[in-house]
Amino acid sequence: MAMHEDDPTLIATDASADGILQCLHMLAAEAEDLRLASTLKALRDAIAVCQNERAEGGLAISVNILP
C-alpha cells in the first residue's frame, strides 16, 4: 500500500488558511454524502467562521504538523 504522499491523484494542500479551508470543504462534501447532518453543520459553521475571518483579514492559523 502506497503512502498518501505518493498518490498523484490527491490534491496538494498546505497548512495555509486556504489549504485548511479546502480541507474543510472536502470534509463537508464527504459528510453530506454520508448524511452526517451534525458533522455537516459543524463543518459548515467552521467554514463560515474561517471565511469571515479571512475576509476581515484576521485569519491567522497556527498548525502543528505531526510526522
PDB file of N, CA and C in Angstrom:
ATOM      1  N   MET A   1       0.840  -1.178   0.000  1.00  0.00           N
ATOM      2  CA  MET A   1       0.000   0.000   0.000  1.00  0.00           C
ATOM      3  C   MET A   1       0.886   1.242   0.000  1.00  0.00           C
ATOM      4  N   ALA A   2       0.618   2.164  -0.917  1.00  0.00           N
ATOM      5  CA  ALA A   2       1.429   3.368  -1.052  1.00  0.00           C
ATOM      6  C   ALA A   2       1.037   4.397   0.005  1.00  0.00           C
ATOM      7  N   MET A   3       1.994   5.169   0.407  1.00  0.00           N
ATOM      8  CA  MET A   3       1.726   6.260   1.330  1.00  0.00           C
ATOM      9  C   MET A   3       0.937   7.334   0.596  1.00  0.00           C
ATOM     10  N   HIS A   4       0.125   8.107   1.330  1.00  0.00           N
ATOM     11  CA  HIS A   4      -0.676   9.131   0.675  1.00  0.00           C
ATOM     12  C   HIS A   4       0.179  10.187  -0.005  1.00  0.00           C
ATOM     13  N   GLU A   5       1.409  10.393   0.449  1.00  0.00           N
ATOM     14  CA  GLU A   5       2.291  11.361  -0.189  1.00  0.00           C
ATOM     15  C   GLU A   5       2.657  10.923  -1.604  1.00  0.00           C
ATOM     16  N   ASP A   6       2.577   9.615  -1.865  1.00  0.00           N
ATOM     17  CA  ASP A   6       2.947   9.075  -3.168  1.00  0.00           C
ATOM     18  C   ASP A   6       1.765   9.012  -4.132  1.00  0.00           C
ATOM     19  N   ASP A   7       0.581   9.357  -3.685  1.00  0.00           N
ATOM     20  CA  ASP A   7      -0.617   9.257  -4.515  1.00  0.00           C
ATOM     21  C   ASP A   7      -0.749  10.513  -5.376  1.00  0.00           C
ATOM     22  N   PRO A   8      -0.539  10.397  -6.683  1.00  0.00           N
ATOM     23  CA  PRO A   8      -0.596  11.581  -7.544  1.00  0.00           C
ATOM     24  C   PRO A   8      -2.010  12.115  -7.751  1.00  0.00           C
ATOM     25  N   THR A   9      -3.036  11.366  -7.346  1.00  0.00           N
ATOM     26  CA  THR A   9      -4.414  11.829  -7.534  1.00  0.00           C
ATOM     27  C   THR A   9      -4.874  12.761  -6.428  1.00  0.00           C
ATOM     28  N   LEU A  10      -4.136  12.820  -5.333  1.00  0.00           N
ATOM     29  CA  LEU A  10      -4.520  13.696  -4.230  1.00  0.00           C
ATOM     30  C   LEU A  10      -4.156  15.136  -4.544  1.00  0.00           C
ATOM     31  N   ILE A  11      -5.035  16.058  -4.148  1.00  0.00           N
ATOM     32  CA  ILE A  11      -4.781  17.477  -4.326  1.00  0.00           C
ATOM     33  C   ILE A  11      -3.782  17.919  -3.261  1.00  0.00           C
ATOM     34  N   ALA A  12      -2.766  18.623  -3.690  1.00  0.00           N
ATOM     35  CA  ALA A  12      -1.772  19.104  -2.738  1.00  0.00           C
ATOM     36  C   ALA A  12      -2.386  20.221  -1.902  1.00  0.00           C
ATOM     37  N   THR A  13      -2.280  20.095  -0.595  1.00  0.00           N
ATOM     38  CA  THR A  13      -2.752  21.140   0.304  1.00  0.00           C
ATOM     39  C   THR A  13      -1.614  21.496   1.252  1.00  0.00           C
ATOM     40  N   ASP A  14      -1.744  22.618   1.868  1.00  0.00           N
ATOM     41  CA  ASP A  14      -0.738  23.020   2.832  1.00  0.00           C
ATOM     42  C   ASP A  14      -1.430  23.529   4.085  1.00  0.00           C
ATOM     43  N   ALA A  15      -0.649  23.977   5.037  1.00  0.00           N
ATOM     44  CA  ALA A  15      -1.210  24.418   6.312  1.00  0.00           C
ATOM     45  C   ALA A  15      -1.602  25.886   6.279  1.00  0.00           C
ATOM     46  N   SER A  16      -1.739  26.456   5.084  1.00  0.00           N
ATOM     47  CA  SER A  16      -2.182  27.839   4.984  1.00  0.00           C
ATOM     48  C   SER A  16      -3.682  27.912   5.235  1.00  0.00           C
ATOM     49  N   ALA A  17      -4.179  29.103   5.393  1.00  0.00           N
ATOM     50  CA  ALA A  17      -5.621  29.283   5.599  1.00  0.00           C
ATOM     51  C   ALA A  17      -6.398  28.730   4.416  1.00  0.00           C
ATOM     52  N   ASP A  18      -5.916  28.964   3.201  1.00  0.00           N
ATOM     53  CA  ASP A  18      -6.606  28.439   2.017  1.00  0.00           C
ATOM     54  C   ASP A  18      -6.592  26.919   1.987  1.00  0.00           C
ATOM     55  N   GLY A  19      -5.481  26.312   2.363  1.00  0.00           N
ATOM     56  CA  GLY A  19      -5.393  24.850   2.402  1.00  0.00           C
ATOM     57  C   GLY A  19      -6.334  24.252   3.433  1.00  0.00           C
ATOM     58  N   ILE A  20      -6.430  24.905   4.572  1.00  0.00           N
ATOM     59  CA  ILE A  20      -7.319  24.424   5.628  1.00  0.00           C
ATOM     60  C   ILE A  20      -8.771  24.571   5.199  1.00  0.00           C
ATOM     61  N   LEU A  21      -9.116  25.689   4.569  1.00  0.00           N
ATOM     62  CA  LEU A  21     -10.478  25.862   4.063  1.00  0.00           C
ATOM     63  C   LEU A  21     -10.802  24.823   2.998  1.00  0.00           C
ATOM     64  N   GLN A  22      -9.844  24.522   2.143  1.00  0.00           N
ATOM     65  CA  GLN A  22     -10.059  23.497   1.118  1.00  0.00           C
ATOM     66  C   GLN A  22     -10.352  22.149   1.780  1.00  0.00           C
ATOM     67  N   CYS A  23      -9.615  21.818   2.815  1.00  0.00           N
ATOM     68  CA  CYS A  23      -9.845  20.560   3.533  1.00  0.00           C
ATOM     69  C   CYS A  23     -11.219  20.546   4.199  1.00  0.00           C
ATOM     70  N   LEU A  24     -11.606  21.667   4.798  1.00  0.00           N
ATOM     71  CA  LEU A  24     -12.930  21.741   5.421  1.00  0.00           C
ATOM     72  C   LEU A  24     -14.034  21.530   4.386  1.00  0.00           C
ATOM     73  N   HIS A  25     -13.862  22.105   3.198  1.00  0.00           N
ATOM     74  CA  HIS A  25     -14.850  21.913   2.128  1.00  0.00           C
ATOM     75  C   HIS A  25     -14.914  20.451   1.699  1.00  0.00           C
ATOM     76  N   MET A  26     -13.762  19.802   1.578  1.00  0.00           N
ATOM     77  CA  MET A  26     -13.753  18.382   1.189  1.00  0.00           C
ATOM     78  C   MET A  26     -14.423  17.526   2.262  1.00  0.00           C
ATOM     79  N   LEU A  27     -14.144  17.814   3.526  1.00  0.00           N
ATOM     80  CA  LEU A  27     -14.772  17.071   4.615  1.00  0.00           C
ATOM     81  C   LEU A  27     -16.279  17.297   4.641  1.00  0.00           C
ATOM     82  N   ALA A  28     -16.704  18.524   4.373  1.00  0.00           N
ATOM     83  CA  ALA A  28     -18.134  18.817   4.355  1.00  0.00           C
ATOM     84  C   ALA A  28     -18.831  18.059   3.229  1.00  0.00           C
ATOM     85  N   ALA A  29     -18.198  17.986   2.067  1.00  0.00           N
ATOM     86  CA  ALA A  29     -18.783  17.233   0.953  1.00  0.00           C
ATOM     87  C   ALA A  29     -18.922  15.763   1.308  1.00  0.00           C
ATOM     88  N   GLU A  30     -17.926  15.221   1.973  1.00  0.00           N
ATOM     89  CA  GLU A  30     -17.975  13.810   2.387  1.00  0.00           C
ATOM     90  C   GLU A  30     -19.057  13.596   3.444  1.00  0.00           C
ATOM     91  N   ALA A  31     -19.151  14.516   4.392  1.00  0.00           N
ATOM     92  CA  ALA A  31     -20.188  14.403   5.424  1.00  0.00           C
ATOM     93  C   ALA A  31     -21.582  14.470   4.807  1.00  0.00           C
ATOM     94  N   GLU A  32     -21.734  15.304   3.784  1.00  0.00           N
ATOM     95  CA  GLU A  32     -23.030  15.392   3.109  1.00  0.00           C
ATOM     96  C   GLU A  32     -23.355  14.079   2.396  1.00  0.00           C
ATOM     97  N   ASP A  33     -22.354  13.515   1.705  1.00  0.00           N
ATOM     98  CA  ASP A  33     -22.559  12.238   1.017  1.00  0.00           C
ATOM     99  C   ASP A  33     -22.948  11.123   1.991  1.00  0.00           C
ATOM    100  N   LEU A  34     -22.361  11.161   3.182  1.00  0.00           N
ATOM    101  CA  LEU A  34     -22.626  10.131   4.190  1.00  0.00           C
ATOM    102  C   LEU A  34     -23.840  10.456   5.061  1.00  0.00           C
ATOM    103  N   ARG A  35     -24.474  11.579   4.781  1.00  0.00           N
ATOM    104  CA  ARG A  35     -25.654  12.031   5.527  1.00  0.00           C
ATOM    105  C   ARG A  35     -25.384  12.180   7.031  1.00  0.00           C
ATOM    106  N   LEU A  36     -24.255  12.783   7.326  1.00  0.00           N
ATOM    107  CA  LEU A  36     -23.870  13.056   8.712  1.00  0.00           C
ATOM    108  C   LEU A  36     -24.266  14.500   9.026  1.00  0.00           C
ATOM    109  N   ALA A  37     -25.526  14.685   9.360  1.00  0.00           N
ATOM    110  CA  ALA A  37     -26.103  16.026   9.494  1.00  0.00           C
ATOM    111  C   ALA A  37     -25.386  16.893  10.534  1.00  0.00           C
ATOM    112  N   SER A  38     -25.119  16.353  11.693  1.00  0.00           N
ATOM    113  CA  SER A  38     -24.465  17.144  12.744  1.00  0.00           C
ATOM    114  C   SER A  38     -23.041  17.513  12.353  1.00  0.00           C
ATOM    115  N   THR A  39     -22.345  16.568  11.773  1.00  0.00           N
ATOM    116  CA  THR A  39     -20.977  16.823  11.324  1.00  0.00           C
ATOM    117  C   THR A  39     -20.972  17.862  10.212  1.00  0.00           C
ATOM    118  N   LEU A  40     -21.911  17.737   9.270  1.00  0.00           N
ATOM    119  CA  LEU A  40     -22.007  18.688   8.175  1.00  0.00           C
ATOM    120  C   LEU A  40     -22.286  20.095   8.695  1.00  0.00           C
ATOM    121  N   LYS A  41     -23.193  20.220   9.643  1.00  0.00           N
ATOM    122  CA  LYS A  41     -23.500  21.533  10.216  1.00  0.00           C
ATOM    123  C   LYS A  41     -22.270  22.135  10.890  1.00  0.00           C
ATOM    124  N   ALA A  42     -21.556  21.329  11.659  1.00  0.00           N
ATOM    125  CA  ALA A  42     -20.357  21.822  12.345  1.00  0.00           C
ATOM    126  C   ALA A  42     -19.289  22.261  11.336  1.00  0.00           C
ATOM    127  N   LEU A  43     -19.120  21.484  10.278  1.00  0.00           N
ATOM    128  CA  LEU A  43     -18.131  21.852   9.256  1.00  0.00           C
ATOM    129  C   LEU A  43     -18.537  23.123   8.525  1.00  0.00           C
ATOM    130  N   ARG A  44     -19.814  23.253   8.204  1.00  0.00           N
ATOM    131  CA  ARG A  44     -20.286  24.478   7.543  1.00  0.00           C
ATOM    132  C   ARG A  44     -20.117  25.690   8.446  1.00  0.00           C
ATOM    133  N   ASP A  45     -20.367  25.507   9.735  1.00  0.00           N
ATOM    134  CA  ASP A  45     -20.151  26.603  10.685  1.00  0.00           C
ATOM    135  C   ASP A  45     -18.676  26.993  10.727  1.00  0.00           C
ATOM    136  N   ALA A  46     -17.801  26.001  10.758  1.00  0.00           N
ATOM    137  CA  ALA A  46     -16.356  26.264  10.781  1.00  0.00           C
ATOM    138  C   ALA A  46     -15.916  26.964   9.503  1.00  0.00           C
ATOM    139  N   ILE A  47     -16.458  26.536   8.366  1.00  0.00           N
ATOM    140  CA  ILE A  47     -16.131  27.171   7.087  1.00  0.00           C
ATOM    141  C   ILE A  47     -16.565  28.630   7.102  1.00  0.00           C
ATOM    142  N   ALA A  48     -17.770  28.887   7.578  1.00  0.00           N
ATOM    143  CA  ALA A  48     -18.279  30.265   7.627  1.00  0.00           C
ATOM    144  C   ALA A  48     -17.406  31.146   8.512  1.00  0.00           C
ATOM    145  N   VAL A  49     -17.009  30.634   9.665  1.00  0.00           N
ATOM    146  CA  VAL A  49     -16.158  31.404  10.571  1.00  0.00           C
ATOM    147  C   VAL A  49     -14.818  31.704   9.904  1.00  0.00           C
ATOM    148  N   CYS A  50     -14.221  30.705   9.284  1.00  0.00           N
ATOM    149  CA  CYS A  50     -12.925  30.904   8.621  1.00  0.00           C
ATOM    150  C   CYS A  50     -13.037  31.900   7.474  1.00  0.00           C
ATOM    151  N   GLN A  51     -14.112  31.795   6.684  1.00  0.00           N
ATOM    152  CA  GLN A  51     -14.289  32.720   5.566  1.00  0.00           C
ATOM    153  C   GLN A  51     -14.493  34.151   6.065  1.00  0.00           C
ATOM    154  N   ASN A  52     -15.257  34.312   7.136  1.00  0.00           N
ATOM    155  CA  ASN A  52     -15.454  35.651   7.707  1.00  0.00           C
ATOM    156  C   ASN A  52     -14.154  36.219   8.250  1.00  0.00           C
ATOM    157  N   GLU A  53     -13.396  35.410   8.944  1.00  0.00           N
ATOM    158  CA  GLU A  53     -12.110  35.864   9.482  1.00  0.00           C
ATOM    159  C   GLU A  53     -11.159  36.251   8.353  1.00  0.00           C
ATOM    160  N   ARG A  54     -11.138  35.430   7.305  1.00  0.00           N
ATOM    161  CA  ARG A  54     -10.246  35.711   6.175  1.00  0.00           C
ATOM    162  C   ARG A  54     -10.674  37.005   5.489  1.00  0.00           C
ATOM    163  N   ALA A  55     -11.986  37.212   5.327  1.00  0.00           N
ATOM    164  CA  ALA A  55     -12.489  38.425   4.683  1.00  0.00           C
ATOM    165  C   ALA A  55     -12.128  39.674   5.484  1.00  0.00           C
ATOM    166  N   GLU A  56     -12.067  39.513   6.794  1.00  0.00           N
ATOM    167  CA  GLU A  56     -11.713  40.636   7.664  1.00  0.00           C
ATOM    168  C   GLU A  56     -10.199  40.779   7.811  1.00  0.00           C
ATOM    169  N   GLY A  57      -9.454  39.886   7.197  1.00  0.00           N
ATOM    170  CA  GLY A  57      -8.004  39.935   7.273  1.00  0.00           C
ATOM    171  C   GLY A  57      -7.430  39.452   8.577  1.00  0.00           C
ATOM    172  N   GLY A  58      -8.229  38.759   9.360  1.00  0.00           N
ATOM    173  CA  GLY A  58      -7.765  38.345  10.675  1.00  0.00           C
ATOM    174  C   GLY A  58      -7.499  36.863  10.821  1.00  0.00           C
ATOM    175  N   LEU A  59      -7.475  36.112   9.720  1.00  0.00           N
ATOM    176  CA  LEU A  59      -7.293  34.673   9.844  1.00  0.00           C
ATOM    177  C   LEU A  59      -5.809  34.344   9.972  1.00  0.00           C
ATOM    178  N   ALA A  60      -5.438  33.975  11.145  1.00  0.00           N
ATOM    179  CA  ALA A  60      -4.081  33.541  11.413  1.00  0.00           C
ATOM    180  C   ALA A  60      -4.198  32.179  12.095  1.00  0.00           C
ATOM    181  N   ILE A  61      -3.827  31.151  11.399  1.00  0.00           N
ATOM    182  CA  ILE A  61      -3.993  29.799  11.918  1.00  0.00           C
ATOM    183  C   ILE A  61      -2.627  29.239  12.274  1.00  0.00           C
ATOM    184  N   SER A  62      -2.515  28.751  13.466  1.00  0.00           N
ATOM    185  CA  SER A  62      -1.299  28.087  13.903  1.00  0.00           C
ATOM    186  C   SER A  62      -1.549  26.577  13.824  1.00  0.00           C
ATOM    187  N   VAL A  63      -0.710  25.896  13.070  1.00  0.00           N
ATOM    188  CA  VAL A  63      -0.914  24.471  12.857  1.00  0.00           C
ATOM    189  C   VAL A  63       0.358  23.716  13.200  1.00  0.00           C
ATOM    190  N   ASN A  64       0.211  22.679  13.998  1.00  0.00           N
ATOM    191  CA  ASN A  64       1.316  21.775  14.268  1.00  0.00           C
ATOM    192  C   ASN A  64       1.149  20.561  13.375  1.00  0.00           C
ATOM    193  N   ILE A  65       2.135  20.273  12.565  1.00  0.00           N
ATOM    194  CA  ILE A  65       2.064  19.121  11.678  1.00  0.00           C
ATOM    195  C   ILE A  65       2.878  17.999  12.308  1.00  0.00           C
ATOM    196  N   LEU A  66       2.188  16.926  12.636  1.00  0.00           N
ATOM    197  CA  LEU A  66       2.845  15.787  13.264  1.00  0.00           C
ATOM    198  C   LEU A  66       3.378  14.854  12.188  1.00  0.00           C
ATOM    199  N   PRO A  67       4.503  14.205  12.470  1.00  0.00           N
ATOM    200  CA  PRO A  67       5.046  13.262  11.474  1.00  0.00           C
ATOM    201  C   PRO A  67       4.179  12.041  11.296  1.00  0.00           C
TER     202      PRO A  67
END
